[in-house]
Amino acid sequence: MVARYGAALALGLCIAAGPATAQMSQFKGMTATSQGLSARIAPAAMPMELDWYLPAYGLDHLLGSWFTFGSEHSFQNGTPNALSMVIWHVTLSGFANSMGASCQWPQLALHPQFLANLKKLCAWPAAEAKTDDVLQAFWLAVMGYDAPRAEYVAWRDFFLASSYKERPAPETISAMTLAIVMNPHFLLQR
């Protein structure tokens, strides 16, 4: 009898709680995400566009964009769903792979300060690439200040303790970058 009431209480609480906040969040959109990232890692004269990595032309409209009809402006397709997450993952994987490959040959025009830090990180798995200064500078350049410090700590600790701690720099930097850009704090509006 207690189990029946316990189950009913749990169901009642779930219904009363409503949808989770993350499910109500909207994507920033391809344009805003690309512009924010470009401002942090690319030279002002040569902005970077994430849509270079889209699997097909025109898919950026499925990732959250502003539409205009007459004098009305509305943000459409910003709600995360399975299709948009696949498109984001493919797009951001291409970007992350370019970051990793930049250890051997620059794939993107990068801001000199970011490039200097990336070169330090490209010494991975050497100890000098694993310092908190190098890792935090990379995190902040890619993520910005949109995530709480606990997100950085979890990211850093994972790469310092997992099998990536001894993997080659291009593979590790690609995985590091993808972990940052697929983070909800990077993709979603507050």
N, C-alpha and C. Protein backbone atom coordinates (compact mmCIF):
# COMPACT_ATOMS: atom_id res chain seq x y z
N MET A 1 0.82 -1.18 0.00
CA MET A 1 0.00 0.00 0.00
C MET A 1 0.87 1.26 0.00
N VAL A 2 1.95 1.24 0.79
CA VAL A 2 2.85 2.37 0.83
C VAL A 2 3.50 2.57 -0.54
N ALA A 3 3.85 1.46 -1.20
CA ALA A 3 4.47 1.56 -2.52
C ALA A 3 3.51 2.22 -3.51
N ARG A 4 2.21 1.89 -3.42
CA ARG A 4 1.23 2.47 -4.33
C ARG A 4 1.14 3.98 -4.12
N TYR A 5 1.08 4.41 -2.85
CA TYR A 5 1.00 5.84 -2.57
C TYR A 5 2.31 6.53 -2.93
N GLY A 6 3.44 5.85 -2.71
CA GLY A 6 4.74 6.41 -3.06
C GLY A 6 4.85 6.65 -4.56
N ALA A 7 4.37 5.67 -5.34
CA ALA A 7 4.40 5.81 -6.80
C ALA A 7 3.48 6.94 -7.25
N ALA A 8 2.31 7.04 -6.63
CA ALA A 8 1.37 8.09 -6.98
C ALA A 8 1.93 9.46 -6.63
N LEU A 9 2.60 9.55 -5.48
CA LEU A 9 3.21 10.81 -5.08
C LEU A 9 4.32 11.20 -6.04
N ALA A 10 5.16 10.24 -6.41
CA ALA A 10 6.25 10.52 -7.36
C ALA A 10 5.69 10.98 -8.69
N LEU A 11 4.66 10.32 -9.20
CA LEU A 11 4.05 10.72 -10.46
C LEU A 11 3.46 12.12 -10.35
N GLY A 12 2.81 12.40 -9.24
CA GLY A 12 2.23 13.72 -9.03
C GLY A 12 3.29 14.81 -9.02
N LEU A 13 4.41 14.54 -8.37
CA LEU A 13 5.49 15.52 -8.33
C LEU A 13 6.09 15.75 -9.71
N CYS A 14 6.23 14.68 -10.48
CA CYS A 14 6.76 14.82 -11.85
C CYS A 14 5.84 15.66 -12.71
N ILE A 15 4.56 15.45 -12.58
CA ILE A 15 3.60 16.21 -13.38
C ILE A 15 3.59 17.67 -12.94
N ALA A 16 3.63 17.91 -11.63
CA ALA A 16 3.61 19.27 -11.10
C ALA A 16 4.89 20.03 -11.44
N ALA A 17 6.02 19.32 -11.56
CA ALA A 17 7.29 19.97 -11.82
C ALA A 17 7.35 20.60 -13.21
N GLY A 18 6.64 20.01 -14.16
CA GLY A 18 6.65 20.56 -15.52
C GLY A 18 7.94 20.19 -16.23
N PRO A 19 8.13 20.70 -17.43
CA PRO A 19 9.32 20.36 -18.21
C PRO A 19 10.58 20.95 -17.58
N ALA A 20 11.68 20.29 -17.81
CA ALA A 20 12.96 20.76 -17.30
C ALA A 20 13.37 22.05 -18.01
N THR A 21 14.15 22.86 -17.34
CA THR A 21 14.57 24.14 -17.91
C THR A 21 15.33 23.94 -19.21
N ALA A 22 16.20 22.92 -19.26
CA ALA A 22 16.98 22.69 -20.48
C ALA A 22 16.07 22.39 -21.67
N GLN A 23 14.94 21.76 -21.41
CA GLN A 23 14.03 21.45 -22.50
C GLN A 23 13.30 22.70 -22.99
N MET A 24 13.29 23.74 -22.19
CA MET A 24 12.63 24.98 -22.60
C MET A 24 13.61 25.95 -23.23
N SER A 25 14.90 25.69 -23.11
CA SER A 25 15.92 26.58 -23.67
C SER A 25 15.92 26.50 -25.18
N GLN A 26 16.37 27.58 -25.78
CA GLN A 26 16.48 27.66 -27.23
C GLN A 26 17.96 27.77 -27.61
N PHE A 27 18.29 27.30 -28.81
CA PHE A 27 19.63 27.50 -29.32
C PHE A 27 19.89 28.99 -29.48
N LYS A 28 21.16 29.38 -29.42
CA LYS A 28 21.54 30.75 -29.73
C LYS A 28 21.34 31.01 -31.22
N GLY A 29 21.49 29.96 -32.01
CA GLY A 29 21.40 30.07 -33.46
C GLY A 29 22.80 30.05 -34.07
N MET A 30 22.88 29.65 -35.32
CA MET A 30 24.17 29.51 -35.99
C MET A 30 24.90 30.85 -36.07
N THR A 31 24.19 31.91 -36.42
CA THR A 31 24.84 33.21 -36.58
C THR A 31 25.43 33.71 -35.26
N ALA A 32 24.65 33.71 -34.19
CA ALA A 32 25.14 34.19 -32.90
C ALA A 32 26.26 33.32 -32.36
N THR A 33 26.13 32.01 -32.51
CA THR A 33 27.16 31.09 -32.03
C THR A 33 28.46 31.31 -32.79
N SER A 34 28.35 31.43 -34.10
CA SER A 34 29.52 31.63 -34.96
C SER A 34 30.19 32.97 -34.67
N GLN A 35 29.41 34.03 -34.52
CA GLN A 35 29.97 35.35 -34.27
C GLN A 35 30.67 35.42 -32.91
N GLY A 36 30.07 34.80 -31.89
CA GLY A 36 30.69 34.79 -30.56
C GLY A 36 32.00 34.05 -30.56
N LEU A 37 32.03 32.88 -31.19
CA LEU A 37 33.26 32.09 -31.25
C LEU A 37 34.31 32.81 -32.08
N SER A 38 33.92 33.36 -33.20
CA SER A 38 34.85 34.07 -34.07
C SER A 38 35.48 35.27 -33.35
N ALA A 39 34.69 36.00 -32.58
CA ALA A 39 35.21 37.15 -31.85
C ALA A 39 36.30 36.75 -30.85
N ARG A 40 36.22 35.52 -30.34
CA ARG A 40 37.19 35.07 -29.34
C ARG A 40 38.43 34.42 -29.94
N ILE A 41 38.33 33.78 -31.11
CA ILE A 41 39.48 33.01 -31.60
C ILE A 41 40.02 33.45 -32.96
N ALA A 42 39.29 34.23 -33.71
CA ALA A 42 39.72 34.62 -35.06
C ALA A 42 40.11 36.09 -35.10
N PRO A 43 41.00 36.45 -36.03
CA PRO A 43 41.32 37.87 -36.17
C PRO A 43 40.09 38.63 -36.67
N ALA A 44 39.95 39.88 -36.24
CA ALA A 44 38.78 40.68 -36.62
C ALA A 44 38.66 40.84 -38.13
N ALA A 45 39.78 40.92 -38.83
CA ALA A 45 39.77 41.11 -40.27
C ALA A 45 39.38 39.84 -41.04
N MET A 46 39.44 38.68 -40.38
CA MET A 46 39.13 37.41 -41.04
C MET A 46 38.21 36.57 -40.15
N PRO A 47 36.95 36.98 -40.01
CA PRO A 47 36.05 36.24 -39.13
C PRO A 47 35.84 34.80 -39.60
N MET A 48 35.59 33.94 -38.64
CA MET A 48 35.36 32.53 -38.91
C MET A 48 33.85 32.27 -38.93
N GLU A 49 33.42 31.41 -39.80
CA GLU A 49 32.00 31.06 -39.90
C GLU A 49 31.82 29.56 -39.67
N LEU A 50 31.01 29.20 -38.69
CA LEU A 50 30.76 27.78 -38.45
C LEU A 50 29.98 27.14 -39.59
N ASP A 51 29.26 27.94 -40.36
CA ASP A 51 28.48 27.34 -41.45
C ASP A 51 29.37 26.74 -42.54
N TRP A 52 30.69 27.02 -42.49
CA TRP A 52 31.62 26.35 -43.40
C TRP A 52 31.60 24.84 -43.16
N TYR A 53 31.23 24.44 -41.98
CA TYR A 53 31.27 23.03 -41.59
C TYR A 53 29.90 22.34 -41.68
N LEU A 54 28.89 23.08 -42.10
CA LEU A 54 27.56 22.46 -42.25
C LEU A 54 27.63 21.33 -43.28
N PRO A 55 26.91 20.24 -43.06
CA PRO A 55 26.95 19.14 -44.02
C PRO A 55 26.28 19.47 -45.35
N ALA A 56 25.41 20.46 -45.39
CA ALA A 56 24.75 20.86 -46.64
C ALA A 56 24.31 22.33 -46.52
N TYR A 57 24.25 22.99 -47.65
CA TYR A 57 23.84 24.39 -47.69
C TYR A 57 22.41 24.56 -47.18
N GLY A 58 22.18 25.60 -46.40
CA GLY A 58 20.84 25.95 -45.96
C GLY A 58 20.41 25.31 -44.65
N LEU A 59 21.21 24.41 -44.11
CA LEU A 59 20.81 23.74 -42.86
C LEU A 59 20.91 24.66 -41.65
N ASP A 60 21.58 25.79 -41.80
CA ASP A 60 21.69 26.72 -40.67
C ASP A 60 20.32 27.21 -40.21
N HIS A 61 19.33 27.21 -41.08
CA HIS A 61 17.97 27.64 -40.69
C HIS A 61 17.33 26.65 -39.72
N LEU A 62 17.83 25.42 -39.68
CA LEU A 62 17.27 24.44 -38.75
C LEU A 62 17.93 24.50 -37.38
N LEU A 63 18.89 25.42 -37.21
CA LEU A 63 19.63 25.51 -35.96
C LEU A 63 19.30 26.78 -35.18
N GLY A 64 18.22 27.41 -35.53
CA GLY A 64 17.80 28.63 -34.87
C GLY A 64 18.23 29.84 -35.67
N SER A 65 17.26 30.55 -36.23
CA SER A 65 17.59 31.75 -37.00
C SER A 65 16.41 32.72 -36.96
N TRP A 66 16.72 33.97 -37.28
CA TRP A 66 15.71 35.01 -37.30
C TRP A 66 15.07 35.09 -38.68
N PHE A 67 13.76 35.14 -38.69
CA PHE A 67 13.01 35.28 -39.93
C PHE A 67 12.24 36.58 -39.88
N THR A 68 12.10 37.19 -41.04
CA THR A 68 11.37 38.44 -41.14
C THR A 68 10.22 38.28 -42.12
N PHE A 69 9.06 38.72 -41.70
CA PHE A 69 7.89 38.76 -42.57
C PHE A 69 7.29 40.15 -42.39
N GLY A 70 7.48 40.99 -43.39
CA GLY A 70 7.03 42.38 -43.26
C GLY A 70 7.81 43.07 -42.16
N SER A 71 7.09 43.55 -41.16
CA SER A 71 7.76 44.22 -40.04
C SER A 71 7.90 43.31 -38.82
N GLU A 72 7.50 42.04 -38.98
CA GLU A 72 7.60 41.09 -37.87
C GLU A 72 8.92 40.33 -37.94
N HIS A 73 9.52 40.14 -36.78
CA HIS A 73 10.75 39.37 -36.68
C HIS A 73 10.51 38.27 -35.65
N SER A 74 10.88 37.06 -36.03
CA SER A 74 10.70 35.96 -35.07
C SER A 74 11.87 34.99 -35.17
N PHE A 75 12.22 34.44 -34.03
CA PHE A 75 13.28 33.45 -33.95
C PHE A 75 12.63 32.09 -34.11
N GLN A 76 13.05 31.34 -35.15
CA GLN A 76 12.41 30.06 -35.44
C GLN A 76 13.42 28.93 -35.43
N ASN A 77 12.92 27.73 -35.20
CA ASN A 77 13.73 26.50 -35.19
C ASN A 77 14.82 26.52 -34.13
N GLY A 78 14.57 27.21 -33.03
CA GLY A 78 15.56 27.29 -31.97
C GLY A 78 15.41 26.22 -30.90
N THR A 79 14.31 25.50 -30.91
CA THR A 79 14.10 24.47 -29.90
C THR A 79 14.90 23.23 -30.26
N PRO A 80 15.75 22.77 -29.32
CA PRO A 80 16.55 21.57 -29.61
C PRO A 80 15.66 20.35 -29.91
N ASN A 81 16.07 19.58 -30.90
CA ASN A 81 15.38 18.33 -31.24
C ASN A 81 16.42 17.38 -31.82
N ALA A 82 16.03 16.17 -32.10
CA ALA A 82 16.98 15.16 -32.56
C ALA A 82 17.69 15.57 -33.85
N LEU A 83 16.95 16.09 -34.82
CA LEU A 83 17.57 16.48 -36.09
C LEU A 83 18.56 17.63 -35.91
N SER A 84 18.16 18.64 -35.16
CA SER A 84 19.07 19.78 -34.98
C SER A 84 20.33 19.36 -34.22
N MET A 85 20.21 18.44 -33.28
CA MET A 85 21.40 17.98 -32.55
C MET A 85 22.34 17.21 -33.47
N VAL A 86 21.80 16.44 -34.41
CA VAL A 86 22.66 15.74 -35.37
C VAL A 86 23.39 16.76 -36.25
N ILE A 87 22.68 17.77 -36.71
CA ILE A 87 23.31 18.80 -37.55
C ILE A 87 24.38 19.55 -36.76
N TRP A 88 24.06 19.94 -35.52
CA TRP A 88 25.06 20.60 -34.69
C TRP A 88 26.28 19.70 -34.50
N HIS A 89 26.05 18.42 -34.20
CA HIS A 89 27.17 17.51 -33.94
C HIS A 89 28.07 17.36 -35.17
N VAL A 90 27.48 17.18 -36.33
CA VAL A 90 28.28 17.05 -37.56
C VAL A 90 29.06 18.34 -37.83
N THR A 91 28.38 19.47 -37.71
CA THR A 91 29.01 20.77 -37.96
C THR A 91 30.15 21.03 -36.98
N LEU A 92 29.87 20.85 -35.70
CA LEU A 92 30.88 21.15 -34.68
C LEU A 92 31.99 20.11 -34.65
N SER A 93 31.71 18.89 -35.10
CA SER A 93 32.79 17.88 -35.23
C SER A 93 33.78 18.32 -36.30
N GLY A 94 33.28 18.86 -37.39
CA GLY A 94 34.17 19.37 -38.44
C GLY A 94 35.04 20.50 -37.92
N PHE A 95 34.43 21.41 -37.16
CA PHE A 95 35.20 22.50 -36.56
C PHE A 95 36.23 21.95 -35.58
N ALA A 96 35.84 21.03 -34.72
CA ALA A 96 36.76 20.46 -33.73
C ALA A 96 37.91 19.73 -34.41
N ASN A 97 37.63 19.02 -35.48
CA ASN A 97 38.69 18.33 -36.23
C ASN A 97 39.67 19.33 -36.84
N SER A 98 39.17 20.47 -37.30
CA SER A 98 40.06 21.52 -37.82
C SER A 98 40.95 22.08 -36.72
N MET A 99 40.41 22.21 -35.53
CA MET A 99 41.22 22.70 -34.41
C MET A 99 42.34 21.70 -34.10
N GLY A 100 42.00 20.42 -34.04
CA GLY A 100 43.01 19.40 -33.77
C GLY A 100 44.06 19.34 -34.87
N ALA A 101 43.63 19.41 -36.11
CA ALA A 101 44.56 19.35 -37.25
C ALA A 101 45.45 20.59 -37.32
N SER A 102 45.04 21.68 -36.67
CA SER A 102 45.84 22.91 -36.69
C SER A 102 47.17 22.76 -35.96
N CYS A 103 47.35 21.68 -35.20
CA CYS A 103 48.65 21.44 -34.57
C CYS A 103 49.71 21.17 -35.63
N GLN A 104 49.32 20.51 -36.71
CA GLN A 104 50.28 20.19 -37.76
C GLN A 104 50.32 21.27 -38.85
N TRP A 105 49.16 21.80 -39.18
CA TRP A 105 49.07 22.83 -40.22
C TRP A 105 47.82 23.65 -39.93
N PRO A 106 47.95 24.98 -39.79
CA PRO A 106 46.77 25.79 -39.45
C PRO A 106 45.63 25.59 -40.45
N GLN A 107 44.49 25.25 -39.94
CA GLN A 107 43.30 25.03 -40.76
C GLN A 107 42.42 26.27 -40.83
N LEU A 108 42.62 27.18 -39.90
CA LEU A 108 41.80 28.39 -39.79
C LEU A 108 42.70 29.59 -39.56
N ALA A 109 42.20 30.76 -39.91
CA ALA A 109 42.89 31.99 -39.52
C ALA A 109 42.55 32.21 -38.05
N LEU A 110 43.57 32.21 -37.20
CA LEU A 110 43.35 32.32 -35.76
C LEU A 110 44.00 33.58 -35.21
N HIS A 111 43.38 34.13 -34.19
CA HIS A 111 43.91 35.30 -33.49
C HIS A 111 45.29 34.93 -32.93
N PRO A 112 46.29 35.81 -33.05
CA PRO A 112 47.65 35.46 -32.60
C PRO A 112 47.73 34.98 -31.15
N GLN A 113 46.95 35.59 -30.26
CA GLN A 113 46.98 35.17 -28.85
C GLN A 113 46.40 33.76 -28.70
N PHE A 114 45.31 33.47 -29.41
CA PHE A 114 44.74 32.13 -29.35
C PHE A 114 45.68 31.12 -29.98
N LEU A 115 46.29 31.48 -31.09
CA LEU A 115 47.22 30.59 -31.78
C LEU A 115 48.42 30.27 -30.89
N ALA A 116 48.93 31.25 -30.15
CA ALA A 116 50.05 31.01 -29.24
C ALA A 116 49.67 30.00 -28.17
N ASN A 117 48.46 30.11 -27.63
CA ASN A 117 48.03 29.15 -26.62
C ASN A 117 47.78 27.78 -27.23
N LEU A 118 47.22 27.76 -28.45
CA LEU A 118 46.99 26.48 -29.12
C LEU A 118 48.31 25.75 -29.36
N LYS A 119 49.35 26.49 -29.71
CA LYS A 119 50.66 25.87 -29.91
C LYS A 119 51.17 25.23 -28.62
N LYS A 120 50.92 25.88 -27.49
CA LYS A 120 51.30 25.29 -26.20
C LYS A 120 50.53 23.99 -25.97
N LEU A 121 49.23 24.03 -26.27
CA LEU A 121 48.38 22.85 -26.09
C LEU A 121 48.78 21.73 -27.05
N CYS A 122 49.32 22.09 -28.20
CA CYS A 122 49.75 21.11 -29.20
C CYS A 122 50.97 20.29 -28.74
N ALA A 123 51.56 20.65 -27.62
CA ALA A 123 52.66 19.85 -27.06
C ALA A 123 52.11 18.63 -26.29
N TRP A 124 50.81 18.51 -26.18
CA TRP A 124 50.15 17.39 -25.50
C TRP A 124 50.72 16.08 -26.01
N PRO A 125 51.05 15.12 -25.22
CA PRO A 125 50.77 14.92 -23.81
C PRO A 125 51.87 15.40 -22.86
N ALA A 126 52.71 16.32 -23.30
CA ALA A 126 53.77 16.85 -22.43
C ALA A 126 53.16 17.61 -21.26
N ALA A 127 53.87 17.64 -20.15
CA ALA A 127 53.38 18.26 -18.92
C ALA A 127 53.06 19.75 -19.11
N GLU A 128 53.86 20.46 -19.92
CA GLU A 128 53.62 21.90 -20.10
C GLU A 128 52.29 22.19 -20.81
N ALA A 129 51.76 21.23 -21.54
CA ALA A 129 50.45 21.41 -22.19
C ALA A 129 49.30 21.16 -21.23
N LYS A 130 49.59 20.53 -20.11
CA LYS A 130 48.54 20.13 -19.16
C LYS A 130 48.41 21.08 -17.98
N THR A 131 49.06 22.23 -18.05
CA THR A 131 48.96 23.19 -16.94
C THR A 131 47.59 23.84 -16.94
N ASP A 132 47.18 24.29 -15.77
CA ASP A 132 45.88 24.93 -15.66
C ASP A 132 45.82 26.21 -16.48
N ASP A 133 46.92 26.93 -16.58
CA ASP A 133 46.94 28.17 -17.38
C ASP A 133 46.64 27.89 -18.84
N VAL A 134 47.27 26.88 -19.40
CA VAL A 134 47.07 26.54 -20.82
C VAL A 134 45.65 26.03 -21.05
N LEU A 135 45.21 25.11 -20.20
CA LEU A 135 43.88 24.52 -20.38
C LEU A 135 42.78 25.56 -20.18
N GLN A 136 42.91 26.40 -19.17
CA GLN A 136 41.88 27.40 -18.92
C GLN A 136 41.85 28.46 -20.02
N ALA A 137 42.99 28.84 -20.53
CA ALA A 137 43.02 29.82 -21.64
C ALA A 137 42.32 29.25 -22.87
N PHE A 138 42.53 27.96 -23.15
CA PHE A 138 41.86 27.32 -24.29
C PHE A 138 40.36 27.26 -24.04
N TRP A 139 39.97 26.81 -22.85
CA TRP A 139 38.55 26.72 -22.48
C TRP A 139 37.86 28.07 -22.64
N LEU A 140 38.43 29.11 -22.06
CA LEU A 140 37.79 30.42 -22.09
C LEU A 140 37.73 31.00 -23.50
N ALA A 141 38.75 30.74 -24.31
CA ALA A 141 38.73 31.25 -25.68
C ALA A 141 37.63 30.59 -26.50
N VAL A 142 37.42 29.31 -26.30
CA VAL A 142 36.38 28.62 -27.07
C VAL A 142 35.00 28.81 -26.42
N MET A 143 34.89 28.58 -25.12
CA MET A 143 33.60 28.64 -24.43
C MET A 143 33.16 30.07 -24.16
N GLY A 144 34.09 30.94 -23.86
CA GLY A 144 33.72 32.26 -23.37
C GLY A 144 33.39 32.14 -21.89
N TYR A 145 32.61 33.05 -21.38
CA TYR A 145 32.27 33.05 -19.95
C TYR A 145 30.82 32.60 -19.73
N ASP A 146 30.31 31.79 -20.63
CA ASP A 146 28.91 31.36 -20.54
C ASP A 146 28.68 30.20 -19.59
N ALA A 147 29.72 29.50 -19.19
CA ALA A 147 29.56 28.32 -18.34
C ALA A 147 30.13 28.58 -16.95
N PRO A 148 29.56 27.94 -15.94
CA PRO A 148 30.13 28.08 -14.60
C PRO A 148 31.49 27.38 -14.50
N ARG A 149 32.27 27.76 -13.53
CA ARG A 149 33.61 27.19 -13.35
C ARG A 149 33.56 25.68 -13.20
N ALA A 150 32.52 25.14 -12.59
CA ALA A 150 32.41 23.69 -12.39
C ALA A 150 32.44 22.95 -13.72
N GLU A 151 31.93 23.56 -14.78
CA GLU A 151 31.97 22.92 -16.10
C GLU A 151 33.41 22.82 -16.59
N TYR A 152 34.18 23.89 -16.39
CA TYR A 152 35.59 23.85 -16.77
C TYR A 152 36.34 22.78 -15.98
N VAL A 153 36.11 22.74 -14.68
CA VAL A 153 36.81 21.77 -13.82
C VAL A 153 36.50 20.34 -14.26
N ALA A 154 35.25 20.05 -14.55
CA ALA A 154 34.87 18.70 -15.00
C ALA A 154 35.54 18.37 -16.33
N TRP A 155 35.56 19.32 -17.24
CA TRP A 155 36.20 19.14 -18.56
C TRP A 155 37.69 18.88 -18.38
N ARG A 156 38.35 19.75 -17.63
CA ARG A 156 39.80 19.63 -17.39
C ARG A 156 40.14 18.29 -16.74
N ASP A 157 39.41 17.95 -15.68
CA ASP A 157 39.70 16.71 -14.96
C ASP A 157 39.49 15.48 -15.83
N PHE A 158 38.49 15.53 -16.71
CA PHE A 158 38.27 14.40 -17.61
C PHE A 158 39.47 14.20 -18.52
N PHE A 159 39.95 15.26 -19.14
CA PHE A 159 41.06 15.11 -20.09
C PHE A 159 42.39 14.81 -19.41
N LEU A 160 42.54 15.20 -18.17
CA LEU A 160 43.77 14.90 -17.44
C LEU A 160 43.79 13.49 -16.87
N ALA A 161 42.61 12.88 -16.71
CA ALA A 161 42.54 11.56 -16.07
C ALA A 161 42.12 10.43 -17.01
N SER A 162 41.51 10.76 -18.12
CA SER A 162 40.99 9.71 -19.02
C SER A 162 42.09 9.19 -19.92
N SER A 163 41.71 8.35 -20.85
CA SER A 163 42.70 7.81 -21.80
C SER A 163 43.28 8.89 -22.69
N TYR A 164 42.66 10.06 -22.75
CA TYR A 164 43.20 11.16 -23.55
C TYR A 164 44.49 11.72 -22.96
N LYS A 165 44.77 11.43 -21.70
CA LYS A 165 45.96 12.02 -21.07
C LYS A 165 47.26 11.64 -21.77
N GLU A 166 47.24 10.53 -22.54
CA GLU A 166 48.44 10.09 -23.25
C GLU A 166 48.26 10.01 -24.76
N ARG A 167 47.11 10.44 -25.26
CA ARG A 167 46.86 10.39 -26.71
C ARG A 167 47.54 11.55 -27.41
N PRO A 168 47.71 11.45 -28.72
CA PRO A 168 48.36 12.54 -29.48
C PRO A 168 47.55 13.84 -29.43
N ALA A 169 48.26 14.95 -29.57
CA ALA A 169 47.63 16.28 -29.47
C ALA A 169 46.47 16.48 -30.45
N PRO A 170 46.61 16.16 -31.76
CA PRO A 170 45.49 16.43 -32.66
C PRO A 170 44.19 15.72 -32.24
N GLU A 171 44.31 14.49 -31.83
CA GLU A 171 43.13 13.73 -31.40
C GLU A 171 42.55 14.31 -30.11
N THR A 172 43.41 14.65 -29.17
CA THR A 172 42.96 15.19 -27.89
C THR A 172 42.34 16.57 -28.05
N ILE A 173 42.98 17.44 -28.82
CA ILE A 173 42.46 18.80 -29.00
C ILE A 173 41.13 18.77 -29.75
N SER A 174 41.00 17.87 -30.70
CA SER A 174 39.72 17.70 -31.39
C SER A 174 38.63 17.30 -30.38
N ALA A 175 38.93 16.34 -29.53
CA ALA A 175 37.95 15.89 -28.53
C ALA A 175 37.68 16.98 -27.50
N MET A 176 38.71 17.71 -27.09
CA MET A 176 38.54 18.82 -26.14
C MET A 176 37.60 19.88 -26.72
N THR A 177 37.85 20.23 -27.98
CA THR A 177 37.05 21.26 -28.63
C THR A 177 35.60 20.81 -28.77
N LEU A 178 35.40 19.56 -29.21
CA LEU A 178 34.03 19.07 -29.37
C LEU A 178 33.30 19.03 -28.03
N ALA A 179 34.00 18.65 -26.97
CA ALA A 179 33.37 18.63 -25.64
C ALA A 179 32.93 20.03 -25.22
N ILE A 180 33.70 21.04 -25.57
CA ILE A 180 33.32 22.42 -25.22
C ILE A 180 32.14 22.88 -26.05
N VAL A 181 32.22 22.71 -27.37
CA VAL A 181 31.19 23.28 -28.24
C VAL A 181 29.87 22.51 -28.21
N MET A 182 29.87 21.29 -27.73
CA MET A 182 28.60 20.56 -27.58
C MET A 182 27.99 20.76 -26.19
N ASN A 183 28.68 21.51 -25.35
CA ASN A 183 28.18 21.81 -24.01
C ASN A 183 26.93 22.70 -24.13
N PRO A 184 25.88 22.40 -23.38
CA PRO A 184 24.67 23.24 -23.46
C PRO A 184 24.93 24.71 -23.15
N HIS A 185 25.90 25.02 -22.31
CA HIS A 185 26.21 26.42 -22.01
C HIS A 185 26.76 27.14 -23.24
N PHE A 186 27.35 26.40 -24.17
CA PHE A 186 27.87 27.00 -25.39
C PHE A 186 26.76 27.19 -26.42
N LEU A 187 25.87 26.20 -26.55
CA LEU A 187 24.87 26.19 -27.61
C LEU A 187 23.56 26.91 -27.29
N LEU A 188 23.17 26.90 -26.02
CA LEU A 188 21.84 27.37 -25.67
C LEU A 188 21.85 28.78 -25.10
N GLN A 189 20.75 29.50 -25.34
CA GLN A 189 20.56 30.83 -24.74
C GLN A 189 20.29 30.65 -23.27
N ARG A 190 20.58 31.66 -22.53
CA ARG A 190 20.30 31.61 -21.09
C ARG A 190 18.86 31.95 -20.84
